[in-house]
Amino acid sequence: KYRRNGNLDTVLKNLENIIKIKKQNKLQYPIIQARMLVMKHNE
């Protein structure tokens, strides 16, 4: 509704891969933050 042209499954797949890469390489960084912009349609 807000992220028009976006695909949530793609986002989550990429984020899971990023977290996996960070763990496999035993990296302290990046600090990974998930952000939700709170709006009427998603609160």
PDB file of all heavy atoms in Angstrom:
ATOM      1  N   LYS A   1       0.834  -1.197   0.000  1.00  0.00           N
ATOM      2  CA  LYS A   1       0.000   0.000   0.000  1.00  0.00           C
ATOM      3  C   LYS A   1       0.872   1.252   0.000  1.00  0.00           C
ATOM      4  O   LYS A   1       0.541   2.266  -0.634  1.00  0.00           O
ATOM      5  CB  LYS A   1      -0.937   0.014   1.201  1.00  0.00           C
ATOM      6  CG  LYS A   1      -1.938   1.187   1.192  1.00  0.00           C
ATOM      7  CD  LYS A   1      -2.950   1.078   2.307  1.00  0.00           C
ATOM      8  CE  LYS A   1      -3.917   2.260   2.293  1.00  0.00           C
ATOM      9  NZ  LYS A   1      -4.740   2.301   1.066  1.00  0.00           N
ATOM     10  N   TYR A   2       2.013   1.189   0.705  1.00  0.00           N
ATOM     11  CA  TYR A   2       2.967   2.306   0.680  1.00  0.00           C
ATOM     12  C   TYR A   2       4.167   1.983  -0.201  1.00  0.00           C
ATOM     13  O   TYR A   2       4.566   2.790  -1.037  1.00  0.00           O
ATOM     14  CB  TYR A   2       3.431   2.658   2.087  1.00  0.00           C
ATOM     15  CG  TYR A   2       4.362   3.858   2.080  1.00  0.00           C
ATOM     16  CD1 TYR A   2       3.869   5.123   1.782  1.00  0.00           C
ATOM     17  CD2 TYR A   2       5.724   3.725   2.321  1.00  0.00           C
ATOM     18  CE1 TYR A   2       4.708   6.222   1.727  1.00  0.00           C
ATOM     19  CE2 TYR A   2       6.567   4.814   2.272  1.00  0.00           C
ATOM     20  CZ  TYR A   2       6.058   6.065   1.970  1.00  0.00           C
ATOM     21  OH  TYR A   2       6.897   7.154   1.895  1.00  0.00           O
ATOM     22  N   ARG A   3       4.766   0.801  -0.023  1.00  0.00           N
ATOM     23  CA  ARG A   3       5.943   0.405  -0.815  1.00  0.00           C
ATOM     24  C   ARG A   3       5.476  -0.139  -2.164  1.00  0.00           C
ATOM     25  O   ARG A   3       5.590  -1.325  -2.463  1.00  0.00           O
ATOM     26  CB  ARG A   3       6.770  -0.625  -0.055  1.00  0.00           C
ATOM     27  CG  ARG A   3       7.292  -0.152   1.280  1.00  0.00           C
ATOM     28  CD  ARG A   3       8.386   0.879   1.137  1.00  0.00           C
ATOM     29  NE  ARG A   3       8.705   1.499   2.428  1.00  0.00           N
ATOM     30  CZ  ARG A   3       9.615   2.439   2.593  1.00  0.00           C
ATOM     31  NH1 ARG A   3      10.298   2.881   1.548  1.00  0.00           N
ATOM     32  NH2 ARG A   3       9.830   2.967   3.776  1.00  0.00           N
ATOM     33  N   ARG A   4       4.972   0.764  -2.975  1.00  0.00           N
ATOM     34  CA  ARG A   4       4.395   0.374  -4.256  1.00  0.00           C
ATOM     35  C   ARG A   4       5.470  -0.139  -5.216  1.00  0.00           C
ATOM     36  O   ARG A   4       6.537   0.435  -5.321  1.00  0.00           O
ATOM     37  CB  ARG A   4       3.633   1.553  -4.861  1.00  0.00           C
ATOM     38  CG  ARG A   4       2.430   1.939  -3.992  1.00  0.00           C
ATOM     39  CD  ARG A   4       1.683   3.145  -4.507  1.00  0.00           C
ATOM     40  NE  ARG A   4       0.605   3.506  -3.575  1.00  0.00           N
ATOM     41  CZ  ARG A   4      -0.166   4.582  -3.699  1.00  0.00           C
ATOM     42  NH1 ARG A   4       0.022   5.407  -4.727  1.00  0.00           N
ATOM     43  NH2 ARG A   4      -1.113   4.832  -2.808  1.00  0.00           N
ATOM     44  N   ASN A   5       5.150  -1.229  -5.883  1.00  0.00           N
ATOM     45  CA  ASN A   5       6.066  -1.986  -6.746  1.00  0.00           C
ATOM     46  C   ASN A   5       7.003  -2.882  -5.950  1.00  0.00           C
ATOM     47  O   ASN A   5       7.865  -3.547  -6.536  1.00  0.00           O
ATOM     48  CB  ASN A   5       6.908  -1.082  -7.660  1.00  0.00           C
ATOM     49  CG  ASN A   5       6.095  -0.387  -8.724  1.00  0.00           C
ATOM     50  OD1 ASN A   5       4.919  -0.688  -8.921  1.00  0.00           O
ATOM     51  ND2 ASN A   5       6.710   0.554  -9.425  1.00  0.00           N
ATOM     52  N   GLY A   6       6.852  -2.910  -4.634  1.00  0.00           N
ATOM     53  CA  GLY A   6       7.712  -3.739  -3.805  1.00  0.00           C
ATOM     54  C   GLY A   6       7.142  -5.121  -3.579  1.00  0.00           C
ATOM     55  O   GLY A   6       5.934  -5.351  -3.698  1.00  0.00           O
ATOM     56  N   ASN A   7       8.022  -6.074  -3.241  1.00  0.00           N
ATOM     57  CA  ASN A   7       7.622  -7.453  -2.978  1.00  0.00           C
ATOM     58  C   ASN A   7       8.157  -7.873  -1.617  1.00  0.00           C
ATOM     59  O   ASN A   7       9.379  -7.951  -1.420  1.00  0.00           O
ATOM     60  CB  ASN A   7       8.147  -8.376  -4.070  1.00  0.00           C
ATOM     61  CG  ASN A   7       7.655  -9.807  -3.913  1.00  0.00           C
ATOM     62  OD1 ASN A   7       8.125 -10.532  -3.051  1.00  0.00           O
ATOM     63  ND2 ASN A   7       6.707 -10.202  -4.754  1.00  0.00           N
ATOM     64  N   LEU A   8       7.261  -8.126  -0.685  1.00  0.00           N
ATOM     65  CA  LEU A   8       7.657  -8.438   0.689  1.00  0.00           C
ATOM     66  C   LEU A   8       8.461  -9.728   0.763  1.00  0.00           C
ATOM     67  O   LEU A   8       9.437  -9.816   1.516  1.00  0.00           O
ATOM     68  CB  LEU A   8       6.423  -8.518   1.585  1.00  0.00           C
ATOM     69  CG  LEU A   8       6.680  -8.818   3.062  1.00  0.00           C
ATOM     70  CD1 LEU A   8       7.566  -7.753   3.697  1.00  0.00           C
ATOM     71  CD2 LEU A   8       5.358  -8.931   3.824  1.00  0.00           C
ATOM     72  N   ASP A   9       8.080 -10.732  -0.003  1.00  0.00           N
ATOM     73  CA  ASP A   9       8.832 -11.995   0.021  1.00  0.00           C
ATOM     74  C   ASP A   9      10.276 -11.786  -0.397  1.00  0.00           C
ATOM     75  O   ASP A   9      11.203 -12.380   0.172  1.00  0.00           O
ATOM     76  CB  ASP A   9       8.159 -13.025  -0.898  1.00  0.00           C
ATOM     77  CG  ASP A   9       6.855 -13.565  -0.323  1.00  0.00           C
ATOM     78  OD1 ASP A   9       6.660 -13.444   0.897  1.00  0.00           O
ATOM     79  OD2 ASP A   9       6.045 -14.112  -1.104  1.00  0.00           O
ATOM     80  N   THR A  10      10.485 -10.927  -1.397  1.00  0.00           N
ATOM     81  CA  THR A  10      11.851 -10.628  -1.850  1.00  0.00           C
ATOM     82  C   THR A  10      12.646  -9.936  -0.750  1.00  0.00           C
ATOM     83  O   THR A  10      13.820 -10.259  -0.502  1.00  0.00           O
ATOM     84  CB  THR A  10      11.819  -9.741  -3.102  1.00  0.00           C
ATOM     85  OG1 THR A  10      11.128 -10.418  -4.154  1.00  0.00           O
ATOM     86  CG2 THR A  10      13.222  -9.388  -3.567  1.00  0.00           C
ATOM     87  N   VAL A  11      12.008  -8.993  -0.067  1.00  0.00           N
ATOM     88  CA  VAL A  11      12.663  -8.282   1.037  1.00  0.00           C
ATOM     89  C   VAL A  11      13.098  -9.257   2.122  1.00  0.00           C
ATOM     90  O   VAL A  11      14.254  -9.229   2.586  1.00  0.00           O
ATOM     91  CB  VAL A  11      11.720  -7.216   1.631  1.00  0.00           C
ATOM     92  CG1 VAL A  11      12.368  -6.550   2.847  1.00  0.00           C
ATOM     93  CG2 VAL A  11      11.345  -6.172   0.598  1.00  0.00           C
ATOM     94  N   LEU A  12      12.188 -10.115   2.535  1.00  0.00           N
ATOM     95  CA  LEU A  12      12.482 -11.041   3.635  1.00  0.00           C
ATOM     96  C   LEU A  12      13.536 -12.061   3.225  1.00  0.00           C
ATOM     97  O   LEU A  12      14.404 -12.428   4.029  1.00  0.00           O
ATOM     98  CB  LEU A  12      11.194 -11.738   4.074  1.00  0.00           C
ATOM     99  CG  LEU A  12      10.108 -10.812   4.637  1.00  0.00           C
ATOM    100  CD1 LEU A  12       8.883 -11.610   5.052  1.00  0.00           C
ATOM    101  CD2 LEU A  12      10.627  -9.995   5.808  1.00  0.00           C
ATOM    102  N   LYS A  13      13.473 -12.524   1.963  1.00  0.00           N
ATOM    103  CA  LYS A  13      14.486 -13.469   1.483  1.00  0.00           C
ATOM    104  C   LYS A  13      15.868 -12.821   1.507  1.00  0.00           C
ATOM    105  O   LYS A  13      16.848 -13.432   1.972  1.00  0.00           O
ATOM    106  CB  LYS A  13      14.136 -13.911   0.062  1.00  0.00           C
ATOM    107  CG  LYS A  13      15.145 -14.897  -0.541  1.00  0.00           C
ATOM    108  CD  LYS A  13      14.919 -15.092  -2.028  1.00  0.00           C
ATOM    109  CE  LYS A  13      15.300 -13.845  -2.816  1.00  0.00           C
ATOM    110  NZ  LYS A  13      15.216 -14.046  -4.296  1.00  0.00           N
ATOM    111  N   ASN A  14      15.954 -11.587   1.034  1.00  0.00           N
ATOM    112  CA  ASN A  14      17.240 -10.885   1.041  1.00  0.00           C
ATOM    113  C   ASN A  14      17.739 -10.640   2.455  1.00  0.00           C
ATOM    114  O   ASN A  14      18.940 -10.775   2.738  1.00  0.00           O
ATOM    115  CB  ASN A  14      17.110  -9.561   0.297  1.00  0.00           C
ATOM    116  CG  ASN A  14      17.039  -9.730  -1.209  1.00  0.00           C
ATOM    117  OD1 ASN A  14      17.598 -10.673  -1.764  1.00  0.00           O
ATOM    118  ND2 ASN A  14      16.360  -8.813  -1.883  1.00  0.00           N
ATOM    119  N   LEU A  15      16.831 -10.260   3.347  1.00  0.00           N
ATOM    120  CA  LEU A  15      17.234  -9.990   4.722  1.00  0.00           C
ATOM    121  C   LEU A  15      17.711 -11.267   5.410  1.00  0.00           C
ATOM    122  O   LEU A  15      18.712 -11.249   6.148  1.00  0.00           O
ATOM    123  CB  LEU A  15      16.065  -9.367   5.493  1.00  0.00           C
ATOM    124  CG  LEU A  15      16.342  -8.964   6.939  1.00  0.00           C
ATOM    125  CD1 LEU A  15      17.575  -8.077   7.043  1.00  0.00           C
ATOM    126  CD2 LEU A  15      15.124  -8.243   7.531  1.00  0.00           C
ATOM    127  N   GLU A  16      17.036 -12.366   5.169  1.00  0.00           N
ATOM    128  CA  GLU A  16      17.475 -13.649   5.736  1.00  0.00           C
ATOM    129  C   GLU A  16      18.867 -14.012   5.230  1.00  0.00           C
ATOM    130  O   GLU A  16      19.711 -14.491   5.997  1.00  0.00           O
ATOM    131  CB  GLU A  16      16.466 -14.743   5.373  1.00  0.00           C
ATOM    132  CG  GLU A  16      15.152 -14.639   6.129  1.00  0.00           C
ATOM    133  CD  GLU A  16      14.106 -15.606   5.606  1.00  0.00           C
ATOM    134  OE1 GLU A  16      14.353 -16.250   4.552  1.00  0.00           O
ATOM    135  OE2 GLU A  16      13.038 -15.722   6.236  1.00  0.00           O
ATOM    136  N   ASN A  17      19.111 -13.774   3.942  1.00  0.00           N
ATOM    137  CA  ASN A  17      20.435 -14.064   3.381  1.00  0.00           C
ATOM    138  C   ASN A  17      21.508 -13.171   3.992  1.00  0.00           C
ATOM    139  O   ASN A  17      22.627 -13.618   4.277  1.00  0.00           O
ATOM    140  CB  ASN A  17      20.412 -13.882   1.860  1.00  0.00           C
ATOM    141  CG  ASN A  17      19.694 -15.008   1.139  1.00  0.00           C
ATOM    142  OD1 ASN A  17      19.564 -16.107   1.676  1.00  0.00           O
ATOM    143  ND2 ASN A  17      19.229 -14.742  -0.072  1.00  0.00           N
ATOM    144  N   ILE A  18      21.180 -11.915   4.205  1.00  0.00           N
ATOM    145  CA  ILE A  18      22.128 -10.974   4.807  1.00  0.00           C
ATOM    146  C   ILE A  18      22.503 -11.413   6.221  1.00  0.00           C
ATOM    147  O   ILE A  18      23.683 -11.412   6.604  1.00  0.00           O
ATOM    148  CB  ILE A  18      21.528  -9.558   4.804  1.00  0.00           C
ATOM    149  CG1 ILE A  18      21.596  -8.963   3.396  1.00  0.00           C
ATOM    150  CG2 ILE A  18      22.234  -8.648   5.806  1.00  0.00           C
ATOM    151  CD1 ILE A  18      20.866  -7.654   3.239  1.00  0.00           C
ATOM    152  N   ILE A  19      21.500 -11.786   6.998  1.00  0.00           N
ATOM    153  CA  ILE A  19      21.753 -12.230   8.371  1.00  0.00           C
ATOM    154  C   ILE A  19      22.589 -13.508   8.369  1.00  0.00           C
ATOM    155  O   ILE A  19      23.498 -13.687   9.196  1.00  0.00           O
ATOM    156  CB  ILE A  19      20.414 -12.424   9.116  1.00  0.00           C
ATOM    157  CG1 ILE A  19      19.736 -11.063   9.300  1.00  0.00           C
ATOM    158  CG2 ILE A  19      20.633 -13.114  10.459  1.00  0.00           C
ATOM    159  CD1 ILE A  19      18.318 -11.145   9.799  1.00  0.00           C
ATOM    160  N   LYS A  20      22.305 -14.398   7.421  1.00  0.00           N
ATOM    161  CA  LYS A  20      23.067 -15.636   7.292  1.00  0.00           C
ATOM    162  C   LYS A  20      24.523 -15.338   6.946  1.00  0.00           C
ATOM    163  O   LYS A  20      25.450 -15.920   7.529  1.00  0.00           O
ATOM    164  CB  LYS A  20      22.433 -16.515   6.209  1.00  0.00           C
ATOM    165  CG  LYS A  20      23.139 -17.843   5.984  1.00  0.00           C
ATOM    166  CD  LYS A  20      22.438 -18.641   4.884  1.00  0.00           C
ATOM    167  CE  LYS A  20      23.162 -19.952   4.606  1.00  0.00           C
ATOM    168  NZ  LYS A  20      22.505 -20.715   3.509  1.00  0.00           N
ATOM    169  N   ILE A  21      24.743 -14.427   6.000  1.00  0.00           N
ATOM    170  CA  ILE A  21      26.105 -14.055   5.603  1.00  0.00           C
ATOM    171  C   ILE A  21      26.858 -13.437   6.782  1.00  0.00           C
ATOM    172  O   ILE A  21      28.039 -13.744   7.020  1.00  0.00           O
ATOM    173  CB  ILE A  21      26.060 -13.063   4.422  1.00  0.00           C
ATOM    174  CG1 ILE A  21      25.507 -13.742   3.175  1.00  0.00           C
ATOM    175  CG2 ILE A  21      27.446 -12.490   4.138  1.00  0.00           C
ATOM    176  CD1 ILE A  21      25.139 -12.780   2.070  1.00  0.00           C
ATOM    177  N   LYS A  22      26.192 -12.590   7.538  1.00  0.00           N
ATOM    178  CA  LYS A  22      26.821 -11.952   8.691  1.00  0.00           C
ATOM    179  C   LYS A  22      27.253 -12.997   9.719  1.00  0.00           C
ATOM    180  O   LYS A  22      28.371 -12.936  10.257  1.00  0.00           O
ATOM    181  CB  LYS A  22      25.856 -10.945   9.328  1.00  0.00           C
ATOM    182  CG  LYS A  22      26.430 -10.236  10.551  1.00  0.00           C
ATOM    183  CD  LYS A  22      25.422  -9.293  11.179  1.00  0.00           C
ATOM    184  CE  LYS A  22      25.989  -8.688  12.464  1.00  0.00           C
ATOM    185  NZ  LYS A  22      25.023  -7.786  13.137  1.00  0.00           N
ATOM    186  N   LYS A  23      26.386 -13.985   9.972  1.00  0.00           N
ATOM    187  CA  LYS A  23      26.710 -15.029  10.957  1.00  0.00           C
ATOM    188  C   LYS A  23      27.823 -15.929  10.443  1.00  0.00           C
ATOM    189  O   LYS A  23      28.755 -16.283  11.194  1.00  0.00           O
ATOM    190  CB  LYS A  23      25.457 -15.843  11.274  1.00  0.00           C
ATOM    191  CG  LYS A  23      24.426 -15.094  12.105  1.00  0.00           C
ATOM    192  CD  LYS A  23      23.228 -15.971  12.418  1.00  0.00           C
ATOM    193  CE  LYS A  23      22.221 -15.235  13.299  1.00  0.00           C
ATOM    194  NZ  LYS A  23      21.026 -16.084  13.599  1.00  0.00           N
ATOM    195  N   GLN A  24      27.741 -16.324   9.180  1.00  0.00           N
ATOM    196  CA  GLN A  24      28.753 -17.228   8.617  1.00  0.00           C
ATOM    197  C   GLN A  24      30.143 -16.600   8.648  1.00  0.00           C
ATOM    198  O   GLN A  24      31.145 -17.289   8.845  1.00  0.00           O
ATOM    199  CB  GLN A  24      28.377 -17.603   7.188  1.00  0.00           C
ATOM    200  CG  GLN A  24      27.218 -18.581   7.085  1.00  0.00           C
ATOM    201  CD  GLN A  24      26.843 -18.882   5.638  1.00  0.00           C
ATOM    202  OE1 GLN A  24      27.172 -18.128   4.720  1.00  0.00           O
ATOM    203  NE2 GLN A  24      26.139 -19.992   5.435  1.00  0.00           N
ATOM    204  N   ASN A  25      30.200 -15.298   8.445  1.00  0.00           N
ATOM    205  CA  ASN A  25      31.480 -14.593   8.433  1.00  0.00           C
ATOM    206  C   ASN A  25      31.865 -14.047   9.801  1.00  0.00           C
ATOM    207  O   ASN A  25      32.891 -13.377   9.929  1.00  0.00           O
ATOM    208  CB  ASN A  25      31.436 -13.465   7.407  1.00  0.00           C
ATOM    209  CG  ASN A  25      31.435 -13.956   5.981  1.00  0.00           C
ATOM    210  OD1 ASN A  25      32.470 -14.189   5.383  1.00  0.00           O
ATOM    211  ND2 ASN A  25      30.246 -14.142   5.408  1.00  0.00           N
ATOM    212  N   LYS A  26      31.024 -14.332  10.807  1.00  0.00           N
ATOM    213  CA  LYS A  26      31.269 -13.915  12.189  1.00  0.00           C
ATOM    214  C   LYS A  26      31.561 -12.420  12.282  1.00  0.00           C
ATOM    215  O   LYS A  26      32.534 -11.984  12.909  1.00  0.00           O
ATOM    216  CB  LYS A  26      32.424 -14.727  12.786  1.00  0.00           C
ATOM    217  CG  LYS A  26      32.138 -16.220  12.843  1.00  0.00           C
ATOM    218  CD  LYS A  26      33.303 -17.006  13.442  1.00  0.00           C
ATOM    219  CE  LYS A  26      32.980 -18.494  13.483  1.00  0.00           C
ATOM    220  NZ  LYS A  26      34.093 -19.301  14.044  1.00  0.00           N
ATOM    221  N   LEU A  27      30.698 -11.637  11.619  1.00  0.00           N
ATOM    222  CA  LEU A  27      30.868 -10.192  11.575  1.00  0.00           C
ATOM    223  C   LEU A  27      30.138  -9.513  12.727  1.00  0.00           C
ATOM    224  O   LEU A  27      29.001  -9.882  13.049  1.00  0.00           O
ATOM    225  CB  LEU A  27      30.328  -9.638  10.249  1.00  0.00           C
ATOM    226  CG  LEU A  27      30.977 -10.167   8.965  1.00  0.00           C
ATOM    227  CD1 LEU A  27      30.221  -9.643   7.748  1.00  0.00           C
ATOM    228  CD2 LEU A  27      32.438  -9.766   8.901  1.00  0.00           C
ATOM    229  N   GLN A  28      30.763  -8.539  13.343  1.00  0.00           N
ATOM    230  CA  GLN A  28      30.097  -7.745  14.362  1.00  0.00           C
ATOM    231  C   GLN A  28      29.152  -6.731  13.715  1.00  0.00           C
ATOM    232  O   GLN A  28      28.099  -6.407  14.256  1.00  0.00           O
ATOM    233  CB  GLN A  28      31.116  -7.010  15.225  1.00  0.00           C
ATOM    234  CG  GLN A  28      30.480  -6.207  16.360  1.00  0.00           C
ATOM    235  CD  GLN A  28      31.520  -5.501  17.227  1.00  0.00           C
ATOM    236  OE1 GLN A  28      32.708  -5.552  16.921  1.00  0.00           O
ATOM    237  NE2 GLN A  28      31.073  -4.858  18.287  1.00  0.00           N
ATOM    238  N   TYR A  29      29.559  -6.266  12.550  1.00  0.00           N
ATOM    239  CA  TYR A  29      28.771  -5.282  11.809  1.00  0.00           C
ATOM    240  C   TYR A  29      28.475  -5.809  10.413  1.00  0.00           C
ATOM    241  O   TYR A  29      29.207  -6.661   9.913  1.00  0.00           O
ATOM    242  CB  TYR A  29      29.537  -3.947  11.737  1.00  0.00           C
ATOM    243  CG  TYR A  29      29.794  -3.345  13.095  1.00  0.00           C
ATOM    244  CD1 TYR A  29      31.047  -3.469  13.700  1.00  0.00           C
ATOM    245  CD2 TYR A  29      28.780  -2.679  13.783  1.00  0.00           C
ATOM    246  CE1 TYR A  29      31.281  -2.938  14.959  1.00  0.00           C
ATOM    247  CE2 TYR A  29      29.011  -2.150  15.035  1.00  0.00           C
ATOM    248  CZ  TYR A  29      30.257  -2.280  15.619  1.00  0.00           C
ATOM    249  OH  TYR A  29      30.482  -1.756  16.867  1.00  0.00           O
ATOM    250  N   PRO A  30      27.400  -5.321   9.806  1.00  0.00           N
ATOM    251  CA  PRO A  30      26.582  -4.174  10.209  1.00  0.00           C
ATOM    252  C   PRO A  30      25.569  -4.515  11.303  1.00  0.00           C
ATOM    253  O   PRO A  30      25.112  -5.654  11.408  1.00  0.00           O
ATOM    254  CB  PRO A  30      25.839  -3.808   8.916  1.00  0.00           C
ATOM    255  CG  PRO A  30      25.683  -5.125   8.209  1.00  0.00           C
ATOM    256  CD  PRO A  30      26.955  -5.864   8.493  1.00  0.00           C
ATOM    257  N   ILE A  31      25.256  -3.526  12.124  1.00  0.00           N
ATOM    258  CA  ILE A  31      24.086  -3.600  12.982  1.00  0.00           C
ATOM    259  C   ILE A  31      22.875  -3.618  12.044  1.00  0.00           C
ATOM    260  O   ILE A  31      22.741  -2.760  11.179  1.00  0.00           O
ATOM    261  CB  ILE A  31      24.002  -2.380  13.914  1.00  0.00           C
ATOM    262  CG1 ILE A  31      25.233  -2.319  14.821  1.00  0.00           C
ATOM    263  CG2 ILE A  31      22.710  -2.397  14.728  1.00  0.00           C
ATOM    264  CD1 ILE A  31      25.436  -0.970  15.468  1.00  0.00           C
ATOM    265  N   ILE A  32      22.020  -4.597  12.193  1.00  0.00           N
ATOM    266  CA  ILE A  32      20.887  -4.757  11.280  1.00  0.00           C
ATOM    267  C   ILE A  32      19.604  -4.320  11.977  1.00  0.00           C
ATOM    268  O   ILE A  32      19.234  -4.860  13.017  1.00  0.00           O
ATOM    269  CB  ILE A  32      20.769  -6.204  10.785  1.00  0.00           C
ATOM    270  CG1 ILE A  32      22.048  -6.592  10.023  1.00  0.00           C
ATOM    271  CG2 ILE A  32      19.540  -6.378   9.895  1.00  0.00           C
ATOM    272  CD1 ILE A  32      22.095  -8.040   9.584  1.00  0.00           C
ATOM    273  N   GLN A  33      18.962  -3.357  11.384  1.00  0.00           N
ATOM    274  CA  GLN A  33      17.738  -2.794  11.953  1.00  0.00           C
ATOM    275  C   GLN A  33      16.584  -2.948  10.972  1.00  0.00           C
ATOM    276  O   GLN A  33      16.717  -2.622   9.789  1.00  0.00           O
ATOM    277  CB  GLN A  33      17.947  -1.307  12.269  1.00  0.00           C
ATOM    278  CG  GLN A  33      16.728  -0.612  12.857  1.00  0.00           C
ATOM    279  CD  GLN A  33      16.919   0.893  12.944  1.00  0.00           C
ATOM    280  OE1 GLN A  33      16.406   1.649  12.142  1.00  0.00           O
ATOM    281  NE2 GLN A  33      17.682   1.334  13.942  1.00  0.00           N
ATOM    282  N   ALA A  34      15.472  -3.472  11.458  1.00  0.00           N
ATOM    283  CA  ALA A  34      14.238  -3.509  10.669  1.00  0.00           C
ATOM    284  C   ALA A  34      13.383  -2.317  11.085  1.00  0.00           C
ATOM    285  O   ALA A  34      13.216  -2.058  12.276  1.00  0.00           O
ATOM    286  CB  ALA A  34      13.483  -4.812  10.914  1.00  0.00           C
ATOM    287  N   ARG A  35      12.857  -1.600  10.103  1.00  0.00           N
ATOM    288  CA  ARG A  35      12.090  -0.392  10.399  1.00  0.00           C
ATOM    289  C   ARG A  35      10.705  -0.452   9.767  1.00  0.00           C
ATOM    290  O   ARG A  35      10.555  -0.789   8.605  1.00  0.00           O
ATOM    291  CB  ARG A  35      12.831   0.843   9.886  1.00  0.00           C
ATOM    292  CG  ARG A  35      12.068   2.158  10.100  1.00  0.00           C
ATOM    293  CD  ARG A  35      12.926   3.364   9.765  1.00  0.00           C
ATOM    294  NE  ARG A  35      13.307   3.388   8.355  1.00  0.00           N
ATOM    295  CZ  ARG A  35      14.177   4.257   7.834  1.00  0.00           C
ATOM    296  NH1 ARG A  35      14.777   5.143   8.620  1.00  0.00           N
ATOM    297  NH2 ARG A  35      14.472   4.229   6.551  1.00  0.00           N
ATOM    298  N   MET A  36       9.722  -0.114  10.577  1.00  0.00           N
ATOM    299  CA  MET A  36       8.365   0.046  10.070  1.00  0.00           C
ATOM    300  C   MET A  36       7.942   1.494  10.246  1.00  0.00           C
ATOM    301  O   MET A  36       7.974   2.033  11.357  1.00  0.00           O
ATOM    302  CB  MET A  36       7.370  -0.854  10.813  1.00  0.00           C
ATOM    303  CG  MET A  36       5.903  -0.547  10.462  1.00  0.00           C
ATOM    304  SD  MET A  36       4.685  -1.408  11.490  1.00  0.00           S
ATOM    305  CE  MET A  36       4.507  -2.922  10.554  1.00  0.00           C
ATOM    306  N   LEU A  37       7.590   2.164   9.147  1.00  0.00           N
ATOM    307  CA  LEU A  37       6.973   3.475   9.239  1.00  0.00           C
ATOM    308  C   LEU A  37       5.509   3.253   9.596  1.00  0.00           C
ATOM    309  O   LEU A  37       4.760   2.655   8.818  1.00  0.00           O
ATOM    310  CB  LEU A  37       7.107   4.232   7.921  1.00  0.00           C
ATOM    311  CG  LEU A  37       8.527   4.562   7.466  1.00  0.00           C
ATOM    312  CD1 LEU A  37       8.495   5.335   6.154  1.00  0.00           C
ATOM    313  CD2 LEU A  37       9.268   5.356   8.531  1.00  0.00           C
ATOM    314  N   VAL A  38       5.117   3.728  10.760  1.00  0.00           N
ATOM    315  CA  VAL A  38       3.773   3.440  11.270  1.00  0.00           C
ATOM    316  C   VAL A  38       2.753   4.382  10.629  1.00  0.00           C
ATOM    317  O   VAL A  38       2.853   5.605  10.756  1.00  0.00           O
ATOM    318  CB  VAL A  38       3.732   3.562  12.801  1.00  0.00           C
ATOM    319  CG1 VAL A  38       2.328   3.242  13.319  1.00  0.00           C
ATOM    320  CG2 VAL A  38       4.755   2.623  13.445  1.00  0.00           C
ATOM    321  N   MET A  39       1.797   3.791   9.933  1.00  0.00           N
ATOM    322  CA  MET A  39       0.738   4.538   9.268  1.00  0.00           C
ATOM    323  C   MET A  39      -0.609   3.915   9.601  1.00  0.00           C
ATOM    324  O   MET A  39      -0.672   2.844  10.212  1.00  0.00           O
ATOM    325  CB  MET A  39       0.987   4.550   7.753  1.00  0.00           C
ATOM    326  CG  MET A  39       2.242   5.318   7.339  1.00  0.00           C
ATOM    327  SD  MET A  39       2.727   5.076   5.607  1.00  0.00           S
ATOM    328  CE  MET A  39       3.835   3.661   5.758  1.00  0.00           C
ATOM    329  N   LYS A  40      -1.658   4.581   9.186  1.00  0.00           N
ATOM    330  CA  LYS A  40      -2.996   4.111   9.541  1.00  0.00           C
ATOM    331  C   LYS A  40      -3.254   2.698   9.028  1.00  0.00           C
ATOM    332  O   LYS A  40      -3.865   1.877   9.706  1.00  0.00           O
ATOM    333  CB  LYS A  40      -4.055   5.072   8.992  1.00  0.00           C
ATOM    334  CG  LYS A  40      -5.485   4.704   9.390  1.00  0.00           C
ATOM    335  CD  LYS A  40      -6.503   5.689   8.855  1.00  0.00           C
ATOM    336  CE  LYS A  40      -6.392   7.027   9.549  1.00  0.00           C
ATOM    337  NZ  LYS A  40      -7.456   7.978   9.133  1.00  0.00           N
ATOM    338  N   HIS A  41      -2.764   2.410   7.842  1.00  0.00           N
ATOM    339  CA  HIS A  41      -3.088   1.123   7.222  1.00  0.00           C
ATOM    340  C   HIS A  41      -2.266  -0.040   7.772  1.00  0.00           C
ATOM    341  O   HIS A  41      -2.592  -1.201   7.511  1.00  0.00           O
ATOM    342  CB  HIS A  41      -2.904   1.199   5.706  1.00  0.00           C
ATOM    343  CG  HIS A  41      -1.477   1.306   5.281  1.00  0.00           C
ATOM    344  ND1 HIS A  41      -0.807   2.512   5.240  1.00  0.00           N
ATOM    345  CD2 HIS A  41      -0.570   0.363   4.886  1.00  0.00           C
ATOM    346  CE1 HIS A  41       0.431   2.304   4.828  1.00  0.00           C
ATOM    347  NE2 HIS A  41       0.596   1.024   4.610  1.00  0.00           N
ATOM    348  N   ASN A  42      -1.165   0.254   8.526  1.00  0.00           N
ATOM    349  CA  ASN A  42      -0.343  -0.856   9.013  1.00  0.00           C
ATOM    350  C   ASN A  42      -0.166  -0.887  10.528  1.00  0.00           C
ATOM    351  O   ASN A  42       0.484  -1.795  11.053  1.00  0.00           O
ATOM    352  CB  ASN A  42       1.030  -0.845   8.335  1.00  0.00           C
ATOM    353  CG  ASN A  42       1.900   0.344   8.729  1.00  0.00           C
ATOM    354  OD1 ASN A  42       1.551   1.132   9.594  1.00  0.00           O
ATOM    355  ND2 ASN A  42       3.054   0.469   8.082  1.00  0.00           N
ATOM    356  N   GLU A  43      -0.738   0.075  11.253  1.00  0.00           N
ATOM    357  CA  GLU A  43      -0.490   0.131  12.695  1.00  0.00           C
ATOM    358  C   GLU A  43      -1.036  -1.096  13.428  1.00  0.00           C
ATOM    359  O   GLU A  43      -0.555  -1.434  14.512  1.00  0.00           O
ATOM    360  CB  GLU A  43      -1.046   1.418  13.305  1.00  0.00           C
ATOM    361  CG  GLU A  43      -2.528   1.619  13.182  1.00  0.00           C
ATOM    362  CD  GLU A  43      -2.967   2.968  13.768  1.00  0.00           C
ATOM    363  OE1 GLU A  43      -2.426   3.367  14.817  1.00  0.00           O
ATOM    364  OE2 GLU A  43      -3.836   3.608  13.169  1.00  0.00           O
TER     365      GLU A  43
END
